[in-house]
Amino acid sequence: MLNALHNEALGKLILRLSVGCLILLHGIAKLIEPGTLSWIGGQIAAQGLPTFLAYGVLIGEVIAPLMAILGWQARLAGLLMAANMVVAIILVHSGELFTLAGNGGWALELQGLYLFGALAIVFLGSGRMALRPD
């Protein structure tokens, strides 16, 4: 019975699908509402950087999640998603880094799950159930 529950490839697929699909939804929202990219551009400009860098969010929230979901270059996809989350935390959530939410959890637990889930994909790779296993 215990051997039937040991399926590393399935676990990696579940991780890729959950992190990829959940981040992809954020990317789709940004495509549907382009004003969000302008807002991100403003946050980037406030740091003294060029606003066109805001389009990098589409790499981290659309292209990379699709790569992870398909299992094509999954490690690179995880790295891109993790980098996207680090930038999001620095630009928008740095004031909440050491804060607890009203329910006692970390204020950035969603961002943390995305970041650490993406890092897990970097270190685990795609597994066998992928377009291009690594």
C-alpha atoms as a PDB file:
ATOM      1  CA  MET A   1       0.000   0.000   0.000  1.00  0.00           C
ATOM      2  CA  LEU A   2       2.774   2.445   0.898  1.00  0.00           C
ATOM      3  CA  ASN A   3       4.510   1.912  -2.452  1.00  0.00           C
ATOM      4  CA  ALA A   4       1.306   2.857  -4.257  1.00  0.00           C
ATOM      5  CA  LEU A   5       1.453   6.257  -2.540  1.00  0.00           C
ATOM      6  CA  HIS A   6       5.056   6.870  -3.623  1.00  0.00           C
ATOM      7  CA  ASN A   7       4.782   8.528  -7.002  1.00  0.00           C
ATOM      8  CA  GLU A   8       7.422  11.219  -7.407  1.00  0.00           C
ATOM      9  CA  ALA A   9       6.424  12.022 -10.996  1.00  0.00           C
ATOM     10  CA  LEU A  10       2.794  12.625  -9.991  1.00  0.00           C
ATOM     11  CA  GLY A  11       3.867  14.832  -7.087  1.00  0.00           C
ATOM     12  CA  LYS A  12       5.981  16.971  -9.421  1.00  0.00           C
ATOM     13  CA  LEU A  13       3.086  17.220 -11.883  1.00  0.00           C
ATOM     14  CA  ILE A  14       0.726  18.361  -9.116  1.00  0.00           C
ATOM     15  CA  LEU A  15       3.265  20.966  -7.986  1.00  0.00           C
ATOM     16  CA  ARG A  16       3.811  22.262 -11.546  1.00  0.00           C
ATOM     17  CA  LEU A  17       0.078  22.410 -12.268  1.00  0.00           C
ATOM     18  CA  SER A  18      -0.884  24.087  -8.998  1.00  0.00           C
ATOM     19  CA  VAL A  19       1.838  26.753  -8.993  1.00  0.00           C
ATOM     20  CA  GLY A  20       1.632  27.295 -12.758  1.00  0.00           C
ATOM     21  CA  CYS A  21      -2.171  27.543 -12.955  1.00  0.00           C
ATOM     22  CA  LEU A  22      -2.507  29.795  -9.922  1.00  0.00           C
ATOM     23  CA  ILE A  23       0.165  32.241 -11.101  1.00  0.00           C
ATOM     24  CA  LEU A  24      -1.180  32.100 -14.669  1.00  0.00           C
ATOM     25  CA  LEU A  25      -4.547  33.394 -13.425  1.00  0.00           C
ATOM     26  CA  HIS A  26      -2.774  36.518 -12.143  1.00  0.00           C
ATOM     27  CA  GLY A  27      -1.132  36.958 -15.545  1.00  0.00           C
ATOM     28  CA  ILE A  28      -4.432  36.556 -17.385  1.00  0.00           C
ATOM     29  CA  ALA A  29      -5.964  39.213 -15.117  1.00  0.00           C
ATOM     30  CA  LYS A  30      -3.162  41.585 -16.112  1.00  0.00           C
ATOM     31  CA  LEU A  31      -3.804  40.889 -19.795  1.00  0.00           C
ATOM     32  CA  ILE A  32      -7.541  41.529 -19.370  1.00  0.00           C
ATOM     33  CA  GLU A  33      -7.002  44.725 -17.357  1.00  0.00           C
ATOM     34  CA  PRO A  34      -4.056  46.566 -18.980  1.00  0.00           C
ATOM     35  CA  GLY A  35      -4.293  49.357 -16.379  1.00  0.00           C
ATOM     36  CA  THR A  36      -2.583  46.958 -14.008  1.00  0.00           C
ATOM     37  CA  LEU A  37       0.569  47.063 -16.138  1.00  0.00           C
ATOM     38  CA  SER A  38       0.515  50.874 -15.984  1.00  0.00           C
ATOM     39  CA  TRP A  39       0.278  50.668 -12.200  1.00  0.00           C
ATOM     40  CA  ILE A  40       3.203  48.224 -12.093  1.00  0.00           C
ATOM     41  CA  GLY A  41       5.124  50.580 -14.394  1.00  0.00           C
ATOM     42  CA  GLY A  42       4.524  53.358 -11.874  1.00  0.00           C
ATOM     43  CA  GLN A  43       5.883  51.204  -9.068  1.00  0.00           C
ATOM     44  CA  ILE A  44       8.961  50.448 -11.165  1.00  0.00           C
ATOM     45  CA  ALA A  45       9.423  54.126 -12.099  1.00  0.00           C
ATOM     46  CA  ALA A  46       9.289  55.007  -8.389  1.00  0.00           C
ATOM     47  CA  GLN A  47      12.401  52.844  -7.991  1.00  0.00           C
ATOM     48  CA  GLY A  48      14.170  54.817 -10.743  1.00  0.00           C
ATOM     49  CA  LEU A  49      13.861  52.060 -13.341  1.00  0.00           C
ATOM     50  CA  PRO A  50      12.350  52.289 -16.845  1.00  0.00           C
ATOM     51  CA  THR A  51       8.622  51.576 -16.979  1.00  0.00           C
ATOM     52  CA  PHE A  52       8.907  49.106 -19.888  1.00  0.00           C
ATOM     53  CA  LEU A  53      10.234  46.612 -17.333  1.00  0.00           C
ATOM     54  CA  ALA A  54       6.601  46.239 -16.213  1.00  0.00           C
ATOM     55  CA  TYR A  55       6.071  43.964 -19.208  1.00  0.00           C
ATOM     56  CA  GLY A  56       8.461  41.505 -17.546  1.00  0.00           C
ATOM     57  CA  VAL A  57       5.538  40.545 -15.316  1.00  0.00           C
ATOM     58  CA  LEU A  58       3.964  38.892 -18.371  1.00  0.00           C
ATOM     59  CA  ILE A  59       7.037  36.659 -18.662  1.00  0.00           C
ATOM     60  CA  GLY A  60       6.783  35.687 -14.997  1.00  0.00           C
ATOM     61  CA  GLU A  61       2.994  35.338 -14.883  1.00  0.00           C
ATOM     62  CA  VAL A  62       2.038  34.084 -18.361  1.00  0.00           C
ATOM     63  CA  ILE A  63       4.953  32.542 -20.248  1.00  0.00           C
ATOM     64  CA  ALA A  64       6.742  30.882 -17.311  1.00  0.00           C
ATOM     65  CA  PRO A  65       3.555  29.350 -15.839  1.00  0.00           C
ATOM     66  CA  LEU A  66       2.632  27.924 -19.247  1.00  0.00           C
ATOM     67  CA  MET A  67       6.136  26.436 -19.486  1.00  0.00           C
ATOM     68  CA  ALA A  68       5.727  24.885 -16.023  1.00  0.00           C
ATOM     69  CA  ILE A  69       2.253  23.527 -16.766  1.00  0.00           C
ATOM     70  CA  LEU A  70       3.495  21.857 -19.943  1.00  0.00           C
ATOM     71  CA  GLY A  71       6.707  20.662 -18.335  1.00  0.00           C
ATOM     72  CA  TRP A  72       8.888  22.352 -20.951  1.00  0.00           C
ATOM     73  CA  GLN A  73      12.035  23.856 -19.405  1.00  0.00           C
ATOM     74  CA  ALA A  74      10.356  23.560 -16.002  1.00  0.00           C
ATOM     75  CA  ARG A  75      13.453  24.558 -14.034  1.00  0.00           C
ATOM     76  CA  LEU A  76      13.800  27.768 -16.046  1.00  0.00           C
ATOM     77  CA  ALA A  77      10.062  28.384 -15.652  1.00  0.00           C
ATOM     78  CA  GLY A  78      10.388  28.001 -11.873  1.00  0.00           C
ATOM     79  CA  LEU A  79      13.308  30.419 -11.832  1.00  0.00           C
ATOM     80  CA  LEU A  80      11.338  33.010 -13.833  1.00  0.00           C
ATOM     81  CA  MET A  81       8.304  32.656 -11.563  1.00  0.00           C
ATOM     82  CA  ALA A  82      10.466  32.907  -8.440  1.00  0.00           C
ATOM     83  CA  ALA A  83      12.215  36.024  -9.784  1.00  0.00           C
ATOM     84  CA  ASN A  84       8.813  37.529 -10.581  1.00  0.00           C
ATOM     85  CA  MET A  85       7.698  36.927  -7.007  1.00  0.00           C
ATOM     86  CA  VAL A  86      10.869  38.442  -5.533  1.00  0.00           C
ATOM     87  CA  VAL A  87      10.316  41.589  -7.613  1.00  0.00           C
ATOM     88  CA  ALA A  88       6.634  41.705  -6.593  1.00  0.00           C
ATOM     89  CA  ILE A  89       7.555  41.378  -2.923  1.00  0.00           C
ATOM     90  CA  ILE A  90      10.192  44.119  -3.192  1.00  0.00           C
ATOM     91  CA  LEU A  91       8.004  46.540  -5.184  1.00  0.00           C
ATOM     92  CA  VAL A  92       4.651  46.047  -3.496  1.00  0.00           C
ATOM     93  CA  HIS A  93       4.887  43.996  -0.324  1.00  0.00           C
ATOM     94  CA  SER A  94       8.203  44.872   1.350  1.00  0.00           C
ATOM     95  CA  GLY A  95       6.363  46.641   4.182  1.00  0.00           C
ATOM     96  CA  GLU A  96       4.540  43.406   4.994  1.00  0.00           C
ATOM     97  CA  LEU A  97       7.612  41.168   5.016  1.00  0.00           C
ATOM     98  CA  PHE A  98       7.706  40.760   8.795  1.00  0.00           C
ATOM     99  CA  THR A  99       3.991  41.198   9.471  1.00  0.00           C
ATOM    100  CA  LEU A 100       1.273  38.832  10.562  1.00  0.00           C
ATOM    101  CA  ALA A 101      -2.222  38.938   9.109  1.00  0.00           C
ATOM    102  CA  GLY A 102      -5.370  39.274  11.218  1.00  0.00           C
ATOM    103  CA  ASN A 103      -5.727  35.480  11.351  1.00  0.00           C
ATOM    104  CA  GLY A 104      -2.207  35.053  12.745  1.00  0.00           C
ATOM    105  CA  GLY A 105      -0.654  33.820   9.495  1.00  0.00           C
ATOM    106  CA  TRP A 106       2.142  35.537   7.628  1.00  0.00           C
ATOM    107  CA  ALA A 107       0.821  38.559   5.734  1.00  0.00           C
ATOM    108  CA  LEU A 108       2.646  37.324   2.623  1.00  0.00           C
ATOM    109  CA  GLU A 109       1.703  33.665   2.819  1.00  0.00           C
ATOM    110  CA  LEU A 110       0.225  33.637  -0.708  1.00  0.00           C
ATOM    111  CA  GLN A 111       3.287  35.300  -2.181  1.00  0.00           C
ATOM    112  CA  GLY A 112       5.471  33.008  -0.084  1.00  0.00           C
ATOM    113  CA  LEU A 113       3.719  29.895  -1.363  1.00  0.00           C
ATOM    114  CA  TYR A 114       4.152  31.068  -4.953  1.00  0.00           C
ATOM    115  CA  LEU A 115       7.815  31.934  -4.377  1.00  0.00           C
ATOM    116  CA  PHE A 116       8.750  28.736  -2.555  1.00  0.00           C
ATOM    117  CA  GLY A 117       6.619  26.565  -4.835  1.00  0.00           C
ATOM    118  CA  ALA A 118       8.444  28.040  -7.832  1.00  0.00           C
ATOM    119  CA  LEU A 119      11.788  27.399  -6.120  1.00  0.00           C
ATOM    120  CA  ALA A 120      10.740  23.791  -5.503  1.00  0.00           C
ATOM    121  CA  ILE A 121      10.154  23.448  -9.261  1.00  0.00           C
ATOM    122  CA  VAL A 122      13.650  24.846  -9.878  1.00  0.00           C
ATOM    123  CA  PHE A 123      15.211  22.165  -7.673  1.00  0.00           C
ATOM    124  CA  LEU A 124      12.890  19.253  -8.519  1.00  0.00           C
ATOM    125  CA  GLY A 125      12.493  19.750 -12.259  1.00  0.00           C
ATOM    126  CA  SER A 126       9.538  18.607 -14.299  1.00  0.00           C
ATOM    127  CA  GLY A 127       9.428  14.913 -13.557  1.00  0.00           C
ATOM    128  CA  ARG A 128       8.473  12.229 -16.084  1.00  0.00           C
ATOM    129  CA  MET A 129       4.947  13.543 -16.726  1.00  0.00           C
ATOM    130  CA  ALA A 130       6.053  16.457 -18.864  1.00  0.00           C
ATOM    131  CA  LEU A 131       6.318  17.613 -22.435  1.00  0.00           C
ATOM    132  CA  ARG A 132      10.090  17.547 -22.029  1.00  0.00           C
ATOM    133  CA  PRO A 133      11.144  15.747 -18.845  1.00  0.00           C
ATOM    134  CA  ASP A 134      14.310  17.011 -17.184  1.00  0.00           C
END
